[in-house]
Amino acid sequence: MKLALDRLRSYYAGNPVRIRAALVAVLGFLAPYVPRVAEFAGNELVVGGLVAAVAILLGEGAQRKEDAKTAEAAASAQTE
């Protein structure tokens, strides 16, 4: 079990996009099965909308990080 957890940790450690995608996947998977989520949201359409909104927001954050990395690499390449 420890080996499996170490492998997962190393897989996700260097990539925040993977972590965010995993969070959205877990939320999307558990939402229909957790009664509190259904009670809070009212119906499955609202739950789906919430999952989509979380995915979009996390994706936007990930894209900004990647854009910053690209701009940094381009600036570094110009100075060389």
PDB file of N, CA and C in Angstrom:
ATOM      1  N   MET A   1       0.820  -1.188   0.000  1.00  0.00           N
ATOM      2  CA  MET A   1       0.000   0.000   0.000  1.00  0.00           C
ATOM      3  C   MET A   1       0.869   1.259   0.000  1.00  0.00           C
ATOM      4  N   LYS A   2       1.937   1.243   0.790  1.00  0.00           N
ATOM      5  CA  LYS A   2       2.823   2.400   0.850  1.00  0.00           C
ATOM      6  C   LYS A   2       3.480   2.647  -0.502  1.00  0.00           C
ATOM      7  N   LEU A   3       3.842   1.587  -1.194  1.00  0.00           N
ATOM      8  CA  LEU A   3       4.447   1.737  -2.512  1.00  0.00           C
ATOM      9  C   LEU A   3       3.475   2.401  -3.481  1.00  0.00           C
ATOM     10  N   ALA A   4       2.225   1.976  -3.440  1.00  0.00           N
ATOM     11  CA  ALA A   4       1.217   2.565  -4.322  1.00  0.00           C
ATOM     12  C   ALA A   4       1.022   4.046  -4.012  1.00  0.00           C
ATOM     13  N   LEU A   5       0.985   4.395  -2.724  1.00  0.00           N
ATOM     14  CA  LEU A   5       0.831   5.796  -2.349  1.00  0.00           C
ATOM     15  C   LEU A   5       2.049   6.622  -2.758  1.00  0.00           C
ATOM     16  N   ASP A   6       3.239   6.046  -2.636  1.00  0.00           N
ATOM     17  CA  ASP A   6       4.446   6.746  -3.069  1.00  0.00           C
ATOM     18  C   ASP A   6       4.442   6.986  -4.571  1.00  0.00           C
ATOM     19  N   ARG A   7       3.980   6.008  -5.322  1.00  0.00           N
ATOM     20  CA  ARG A   7       3.904   6.174  -6.779  1.00  0.00           C
ATOM     21  C   ARG A   7       2.895   7.256  -7.156  1.00  0.00           C
ATOM     22  N   LEU A   8       1.736   7.262  -6.491  1.00  0.00           N
ATOM     23  CA  LEU A   8       0.749   8.309  -6.756  1.00  0.00           C
ATOM     24  C   LEU A   8       1.304   9.682  -6.399  1.00  0.00           C
ATOM     25  N   ARG A   9       1.957   9.779  -5.272  1.00  0.00           N
ATOM     26  CA  ARG A   9       2.528  11.051  -4.838  1.00  0.00           C
ATOM     27  C   ARG A   9       3.552  11.554  -5.850  1.00  0.00           C
ATOM     28  N   SER A  10       4.422  10.679  -6.331  1.00  0.00           N
ATOM     29  CA  SER A  10       5.433  11.102  -7.294  1.00  0.00           C
ATOM     30  C   SER A  10       4.806  11.451  -8.643  1.00  0.00           C
ATOM     31  N   TYR A  11       3.720  10.770  -9.003  1.00  0.00           N
ATOM     32  CA  TYR A  11       3.035  11.059 -10.265  1.00  0.00           C
ATOM     33  C   TYR A  11       2.418  12.451 -10.242  1.00  0.00           C
ATOM     34  N   TYR A  12       1.834  12.822  -9.106  1.00  0.00           N
ATOM     35  CA  TYR A  12       1.138  14.096  -9.009  1.00  0.00           C
ATOM     36  C   TYR A  12       2.013  15.239  -8.501  1.00  0.00           C
ATOM     37  N   ALA A  13       3.151  14.946  -7.913  1.00  0.00           N
ATOM     38  CA  ALA A  13       3.957  15.965  -7.238  1.00  0.00           C
ATOM     39  C   ALA A  13       4.382  17.107  -8.154  1.00  0.00           C
ATOM     40  N   GLY A  14       4.816  16.813  -9.325  1.00  0.00           N
ATOM     41  CA  GLY A  14       5.359  17.852 -10.189  1.00  0.00           C
ATOM     42  C   GLY A  14       4.370  18.510 -11.117  1.00  0.00           C
ATOM     43  N   ASN A  15       3.114  18.133 -11.056  1.00  0.00           N
ATOM     44  CA  ASN A  15       2.175  18.651 -12.032  1.00  0.00           C
ATOM     45  C   ASN A  15       0.855  19.070 -11.370  1.00  0.00           C
ATOM     46  N   PRO A  16       0.669  20.357 -11.123  1.00  0.00           N
ATOM     47  CA  PRO A  16      -0.567  20.813 -10.491  1.00  0.00           C
ATOM     48  C   PRO A  16      -1.810  20.570 -11.345  1.00  0.00           C
ATOM     49  N   VAL A  17      -1.635  20.477 -12.644  1.00  0.00           N
ATOM     50  CA  VAL A  17      -2.787  20.219 -13.512  1.00  0.00           C
ATOM     51  C   VAL A  17      -3.358  18.830 -13.232  1.00  0.00           C
ATOM     52  N   ARG A  18      -2.484  17.869 -12.999  1.00  0.00           N
ATOM     53  CA  ARG A  18      -2.953  16.520 -12.674  1.00  0.00           C
ATOM     54  C   ARG A  18      -3.716  16.503 -11.356  1.00  0.00           C
ATOM     55  N   ILE A  19      -3.233  17.256 -10.387  1.00  0.00           N
ATOM     56  CA  ILE A  19      -3.915  17.310  -9.093  1.00  0.00           C
ATOM     57  C   ILE A  19      -5.305  17.895  -9.267  1.00  0.00           C
ATOM     58  N   ARG A  20      -5.411  18.970 -10.001  1.00  0.00           N
ATOM     59  CA  ARG A  20      -6.709  19.604 -10.221  1.00  0.00           C
ATOM     60  C   ARG A  20      -7.651  18.706 -11.000  1.00  0.00           C
ATOM     61  N   ALA A  21      -7.125  18.029 -11.995  1.00  0.00           N
ATOM     62  CA  ALA A  21      -7.963  17.108 -12.760  1.00  0.00           C
ATOM     63  C   ALA A  21      -8.454  15.961 -11.886  1.00  0.00           C
ATOM     64  N   ALA A  22      -7.588  15.484 -11.004  1.00  0.00           N
ATOM     65  CA  ALA A  22      -7.990  14.410 -10.091  1.00  0.00           C
ATOM     66  C   ALA A  22      -9.081  14.890  -9.136  1.00  0.00           C
ATOM     67  N   LEU A  23      -8.966  16.118  -8.638  1.00  0.00           N
ATOM     68  CA  LEU A  23      -9.996  16.655  -7.755  1.00  0.00           C
ATOM     69  C   LEU A  23     -11.349  16.760  -8.454  1.00  0.00           C
ATOM     70  N   VAL A  24     -11.331  17.231  -9.677  1.00  0.00           N
ATOM     71  CA  VAL A  24     -12.583  17.331 -10.438  1.00  0.00           C
ATOM     72  C   VAL A  24     -13.160  15.946 -10.698  1.00  0.00           C
ATOM     73  N   ALA A  25     -12.298  14.992 -11.022  1.00  0.00           N
ATOM     74  CA  ALA A  25     -12.775  13.634 -11.270  1.00  0.00           C
ATOM     75  C   ALA A  25     -13.405  13.025 -10.023  1.00  0.00           C
ATOM     76  N   VAL A  26     -12.764  13.217  -8.882  1.00  0.00           N
ATOM     77  CA  VAL A  26     -13.312  12.679  -7.634  1.00  0.00           C
ATOM     78  C   VAL A  26     -14.637  13.351  -7.303  1.00  0.00           C
ATOM     79  N   LEU A  27     -14.697  14.664  -7.444  1.00  0.00           N
ATOM     80  CA  LEU A  27     -15.946  15.380  -7.191  1.00  0.00           C
ATOM     81  C   LEU A  27     -17.047  14.901  -8.130  1.00  0.00           C
ATOM     82  N   GLY A  28     -16.726  14.778  -9.393  1.00  0.00           N
ATOM     83  CA  GLY A  28     -17.720  14.312 -10.366  1.00  0.00           C
ATOM     84  C   GLY A  28     -18.176  12.892 -10.111  1.00  0.00           C
ATOM     85  N   PHE A  29     -17.269  12.056  -9.644  1.00  0.00           N
ATOM     86  CA  PHE A  29     -17.621  10.662  -9.376  1.00  0.00           C
ATOM     87  C   PHE A  29     -18.471  10.528  -8.115  1.00  0.00           C
ATOM     88  N   LEU A  30     -18.110  11.260  -7.065  1.00  0.00           N
ATOM     89  CA  LEU A  30     -18.805  11.111  -5.796  1.00  0.00           C
ATOM     90  C   LEU A  30     -20.110  11.896  -5.698  1.00  0.00           C
ATOM     91  N   ALA A  31     -20.247  12.942  -6.466  1.00  0.00           N
ATOM     92  CA  ALA A  31     -21.412  13.818  -6.338  1.00  0.00           C
ATOM     93  C   ALA A  31     -22.756  13.076  -6.402  1.00  0.00           C
ATOM     94  N   PRO A  32     -22.967  12.167  -7.332  1.00  0.00           N
ATOM     95  CA  PRO A  32     -24.266  11.492  -7.371  1.00  0.00           C
ATOM     96  C   PRO A  32     -24.489  10.521  -6.212  1.00  0.00           C
ATOM     97  N   TYR A  33     -23.411  10.093  -5.555  1.00  0.00           N
ATOM     98  CA  TYR A  33     -23.531   9.063  -4.529  1.00  0.00           C
ATOM     99  C   TYR A  33     -23.529   9.605  -3.103  1.00  0.00           C
ATOM    100  N   VAL A  34     -23.202  10.855  -2.929  1.00  0.00           N
ATOM    101  CA  VAL A  34     -23.155  11.444  -1.590  1.00  0.00           C
ATOM    102  C   VAL A  34     -24.470  12.180  -1.356  1.00  0.00           C
ATOM    103  N   PRO A  35     -25.293  11.683  -0.450  1.00  0.00           N
ATOM    104  CA  PRO A  35     -26.616  12.285  -0.253  1.00  0.00           C
ATOM    105  C   PRO A  35     -26.567  13.758   0.132  1.00  0.00           C
ATOM    106  N   ARG A  36     -25.585  14.177   0.892  1.00  0.00           N
ATOM    107  CA  ARG A  36     -25.501  15.588   1.308  1.00  0.00           C
ATOM    108  C   ARG A  36     -25.351  16.513   0.103  1.00  0.00           C
ATOM    109  N   VAL A  37     -24.607  16.068  -0.895  1.00  0.00           N
ATOM    110  CA  VAL A  37     -24.426  16.899  -2.088  1.00  0.00           C
ATOM    111  C   VAL A  37     -25.754  17.050  -2.813  1.00  0.00           C
ATOM    112  N   ALA A  38     -26.477  15.962  -2.941  1.00  0.00           N
ATOM    113  CA  ALA A  38     -27.770  16.015  -3.624  1.00  0.00           C
ATOM    114  C   ALA A  38     -28.765  16.885  -2.857  1.00  0.00           C
ATOM    115  N   GLU A  39     -28.760  16.778  -1.531  1.00  0.00           N
ATOM    116  CA  GLU A  39     -29.658  17.606  -0.726  1.00  0.00           C
ATOM    117  C   GLU A  39     -29.309  19.080  -0.856  1.00  0.00           C
ATOM    118  N   PHE A  40     -28.028  19.381  -0.828  1.00  0.00           N
ATOM    119  CA  PHE A  40     -27.587  20.759  -0.904  1.00  0.00           C
ATOM    120  C   PHE A  40     -27.903  21.363  -2.270  1.00  0.00           C
ATOM    121  N   ALA A  41     -27.633  20.612  -3.317  1.00  0.00           N
ATOM    122  CA  ALA A  41     -27.778  21.139  -4.667  1.00  0.00           C
ATOM    123  C   ALA A  41     -29.226  21.151  -5.138  1.00  0.00           C
ATOM    124  N   GLY A  42     -30.002  20.197  -4.734  1.00  0.00           N
ATOM    125  CA  GLY A  42     -31.391  20.151  -5.162  1.00  0.00           C
ATOM    126  C   GLY A  42     -31.656  19.109  -6.225  1.00  0.00           C
ATOM    127  N   ASN A  43     -30.811  19.030  -7.242  1.00  0.00           N
ATOM    128  CA  ASN A  43     -30.982  17.997  -8.263  1.00  0.00           C
ATOM    129  C   ASN A  43     -29.664  17.736  -8.985  1.00  0.00           C
ATOM    130  N   GLU A  44     -29.655  16.738  -9.845  1.00  0.00           N
ATOM    131  CA  GLU A  44     -28.421  16.329 -10.527  1.00  0.00           C
ATOM    132  C   GLU A  44     -27.929  17.375 -11.515  1.00  0.00           C
ATOM    133  N   LEU A  45     -28.834  18.143 -12.083  1.00  0.00           N
ATOM    134  CA  LEU A  45     -28.436  19.174 -13.029  1.00  0.00           C
ATOM    135  C   LEU A  45     -27.571  20.230 -12.334  1.00  0.00           C
ATOM    136  N   VAL A  46     -27.952  20.591 -11.123  1.00  0.00           N
ATOM    137  CA  VAL A  46     -27.164  21.569 -10.366  1.00  0.00           C
ATOM    138  C   VAL A  46     -25.802  20.984 -10.015  1.00  0.00           C
ATOM    139  N   VAL A  47     -25.774  19.718  -9.612  1.00  0.00           N
ATOM    140  CA  VAL A  47     -24.505  19.062  -9.294  1.00  0.00           C
ATOM    141  C   VAL A  47     -23.601  19.045 -10.520  1.00  0.00           C
ATOM    142  N   GLY A  48     -24.154  18.718 -11.665  1.00  0.00           N
ATOM    143  CA  GLY A  48     -23.373  18.726 -12.900  1.00  0.00           C
ATOM    144  C   GLY A  48     -22.841  20.110 -13.234  1.00  0.00           C
ATOM    145  N   GLY A  49     -23.660  21.110 -13.019  1.00  0.00           N
ATOM    146  CA  GLY A  49     -23.228  22.484 -13.252  1.00  0.00           C
ATOM    147  C   GLY A  49     -22.103  22.894 -12.318  1.00  0.00           C
ATOM    148  N   LEU A  50     -22.205  22.483 -11.055  1.00  0.00           N
ATOM    149  CA  LEU A  50     -21.139  22.787 -10.100  1.00  0.00           C
ATOM    150  C   LEU A  50     -19.837  22.103 -10.482  1.00  0.00           C
ATOM    151  N   VAL A  51     -19.917  20.855 -10.883  1.00  0.00           N
ATOM    152  CA  VAL A  51     -18.710  20.131 -11.304  1.00  0.00           C
ATOM    153  C   VAL A  51     -18.097  20.811 -12.528  1.00  0.00           C
ATOM    154  N   ALA A  52     -18.933  21.219 -13.473  1.00  0.00           N
ATOM    155  CA  ALA A  52     -18.427  21.906 -14.662  1.00  0.00           C
ATOM    156  C   ALA A  52     -17.769  23.235 -14.291  1.00  0.00           C
ATOM    157  N   ALA A  53     -18.383  23.975 -13.376  1.00  0.00           N
ATOM    158  CA  ALA A  53     -17.804  25.256 -12.962  1.00  0.00           C
ATOM    159  C   ALA A  53     -16.458  25.060 -12.276  1.00  0.00           C
ATOM    160  N   VAL A  54     -16.366  24.055 -11.427  1.00  0.00           N
ATOM    161  CA  VAL A  54     -15.092  23.769 -10.759  1.00  0.00           C
ATOM    162  C   VAL A  54     -14.040  23.381 -11.792  1.00  0.00           C
ATOM    163  N   ALA A  55     -14.412  22.570 -12.759  1.00  0.00           N
ATOM    164  CA  ALA A  55     -13.462  22.155 -13.800  1.00  0.00           C
ATOM    165  C   ALA A  55     -12.965  23.358 -14.596  1.00  0.00           C
ATOM    166  N   ILE A  56     -13.863  24.258 -14.927  1.00  0.00           N
ATOM    167  CA  ILE A  56     -13.475  25.442 -15.700  1.00  0.00           C
ATOM    168  C   ILE A  56     -12.539  26.340 -14.885  1.00  0.00           C
ATOM    169  N   LEU A  57     -12.890  26.564 -13.624  1.00  0.00           N
ATOM    170  CA  LEU A  57     -12.057  27.427 -12.786  1.00  0.00           C
ATOM    171  C   LEU A  57     -10.675  26.825 -12.553  1.00  0.00           C
ATOM    172  N   LEU A  58     -10.619  25.529 -12.287  1.00  0.00           N
ATOM    173  CA  LEU A  58      -9.323  24.889 -12.082  1.00  0.00           C
ATOM    174  C   LEU A  58      -8.513  24.857 -13.378  1.00  0.00           C
ATOM    175  N   GLY A  59      -9.191  24.639 -14.477  1.00  0.00           N
ATOM    176  CA  GLY A  59      -8.504  24.646 -15.770  1.00  0.00           C
ATOM    177  C   GLY A  59      -7.936  26.015 -16.100  1.00  0.00           C
ATOM    178  N   GLU A  60      -8.670  27.065 -15.756  1.00  0.00           N
ATOM    179  CA  GLU A  60      -8.187  28.423 -15.996  1.00  0.00           C
ATOM    180  C   GLU A  60      -6.925  28.701 -15.181  1.00  0.00           C
ATOM    181  N   GLY A  61      -6.935  28.286 -13.929  1.00  0.00           N
ATOM    182  CA  GLY A  61      -5.750  28.468 -13.089  1.00  0.00           C
ATOM    183  C   GLY A  61      -4.554  27.713 -13.632  1.00  0.00           C
ATOM    184  N   ALA A  62      -4.789  26.506 -14.090  1.00  0.00           N
ATOM    185  CA  ALA A  62      -3.708  25.702 -14.659  1.00  0.00           C
ATOM    186  C   ALA A  62      -3.171  26.350 -15.937  1.00  0.00           C
ATOM    187  N   GLN A  63      -4.064  26.875 -16.749  1.00  0.00           N
ATOM    188  CA  GLN A  63      -3.631  27.519 -17.991  1.00  0.00           C
ATOM    189  C   GLN A  63      -2.789  28.754 -17.708  1.00  0.00           C
ATOM    190  N   ARG A  64      -3.150  29.511 -16.685  1.00  0.00           N
ATOM    191  CA  ARG A  64      -2.351  30.685 -16.331  1.00  0.00           C
ATOM    192  C   ARG A  64      -0.941  30.287 -15.899  1.00  0.00           C
ATOM    193  N   LYS A  65      -0.839  29.199 -15.156  1.00  0.00           N
ATOM    194  CA  LYS A  65       0.495  28.735 -14.739  1.00  0.00           C
ATOM    195  C   LYS A  65       1.317  28.313 -15.944  1.00  0.00           C
ATOM    196  N   GLU A  66       0.695  27.604 -16.862  1.00  0.00           N
ATOM    197  CA  GLU A  66       1.410  27.154 -18.053  1.00  0.00           C
ATOM    198  C   GLU A  66       1.802  28.338 -18.926  1.00  0.00           C
ATOM    199  N   ASP A  67       0.933  29.344 -19.042  1.00  0.00           N
ATOM    200  CA  ASP A  67       1.266  30.540 -19.811  1.00  0.00           C
ATOM    201  C   ASP A  67       2.457  31.262 -19.204  1.00  0.00           C
ATOM    202  N   ALA A  68       2.501  31.321 -17.868  1.00  0.00           N
ATOM    203  CA  ALA A  68       3.625  31.970 -17.190  1.00  0.00           C
ATOM    204  C   ALA A  68       4.925  31.218 -17.465  1.00  0.00           C
ATOM    205  N   LYS A  69       4.858  29.893 -17.450  1.00  0.00           N
ATOM    206  CA  LYS A  69       6.048  29.096 -17.749  1.00  0.00           C
ATOM    207  C   LYS A  69       6.520  29.335 -19.174  1.00  0.00           C
ATOM    208  N   THR A  70       5.579  29.409 -20.116  1.00  0.00           N
ATOM    209  CA  THR A  70       5.917  29.631 -21.516  1.00  0.00           C
ATOM    210  C   THR A  70       6.541  31.005 -21.702  1.00  0.00           C
ATOM    211  N   ALA A  71       5.972  32.020 -21.065  1.00  0.00           N
ATOM    212  CA  ALA A  71       6.518  33.369 -21.178  1.00  0.00           C
ATOM    213  C   ALA A  71       7.910  33.431 -20.566  1.00  0.00           C
ATOM    214  N   GLU A  72       8.118  32.760 -19.455  1.00  0.00           N
ATOM    215  CA  GLU A  72       9.438  32.744 -18.821  1.00  0.00           C
ATOM    216  C   GLU A  72      10.460  32.062 -19.717  1.00  0.00           C
ATOM    217  N   ALA A  73      10.062  30.954 -20.332  1.00  0.00           N
ATOM    218  CA  ALA A  73      10.979  30.253 -21.235  1.00  0.00           C
ATOM    219  C   ALA A  73      11.306  31.100 -22.458  1.00  0.00           C
ATOM    220  N   ALA A  74      10.315  31.808 -22.992  1.00  0.00           N
ATOM    221  CA  ALA A  74      10.550  32.671 -24.155  1.00  0.00           C
ATOM    222  C   ALA A  74      11.474  33.814 -23.792  1.00  0.00           C
ATOM    223  N   ALA A  75      11.280  34.408 -22.623  1.00  0.00           N
ATOM    224  CA  ALA A  75      12.143  35.510 -22.192  1.00  0.00           C
ATOM    225  C   ALA A  75      13.566  35.011 -21.965  1.00  0.00           C
ATOM    226  N   SER A  76      13.689  33.823 -21.426  1.00  0.00           N
ATOM    227  CA  SER A  76      15.008  33.245 -21.197  1.00  0.00           C
ATOM    228  C   SER A  76      15.710  32.960 -22.526  1.00  0.00           C
ATOM    229  N   ALA A  77      14.956  32.506 -23.517  1.00  0.00           N
ATOM    230  CA  ALA A  77      15.536  32.188 -24.816  1.00  0.00           C
ATOM    231  C   ALA A  77      15.987  33.469 -25.543  1.00  0.00           C
ATOM    232  N   GLN A  78      15.291  34.562 -25.325  1.00  0.00           N
ATOM    233  CA  GLN A  78      15.655  35.826 -25.976  1.00  0.00           C
ATOM    234  C   GLN A  78      16.911  36.425 -25.394  1.00  0.00           C
ATOM    235  N   THR A  79      17.153  36.201 -24.107  1.00  0.00           N
ATOM    236  CA  THR A  79      18.326  36.787 -23.471  1.00  0.00           C
ATOM    237  C   THR A  79      19.598  36.010 -23.753  1.00  0.00           C
ATOM    238  N   GLU A  80      19.458  34.808 -24.250  1.00  0.00           N
ATOM    239  CA  GLU A  80      20.658  33.986 -24.536  1.00  0.00           C
ATOM    240  C   GLU A  80      21.256  34.301 -25.868  1.00  0.00           C
TER     241      GLU A  80
END
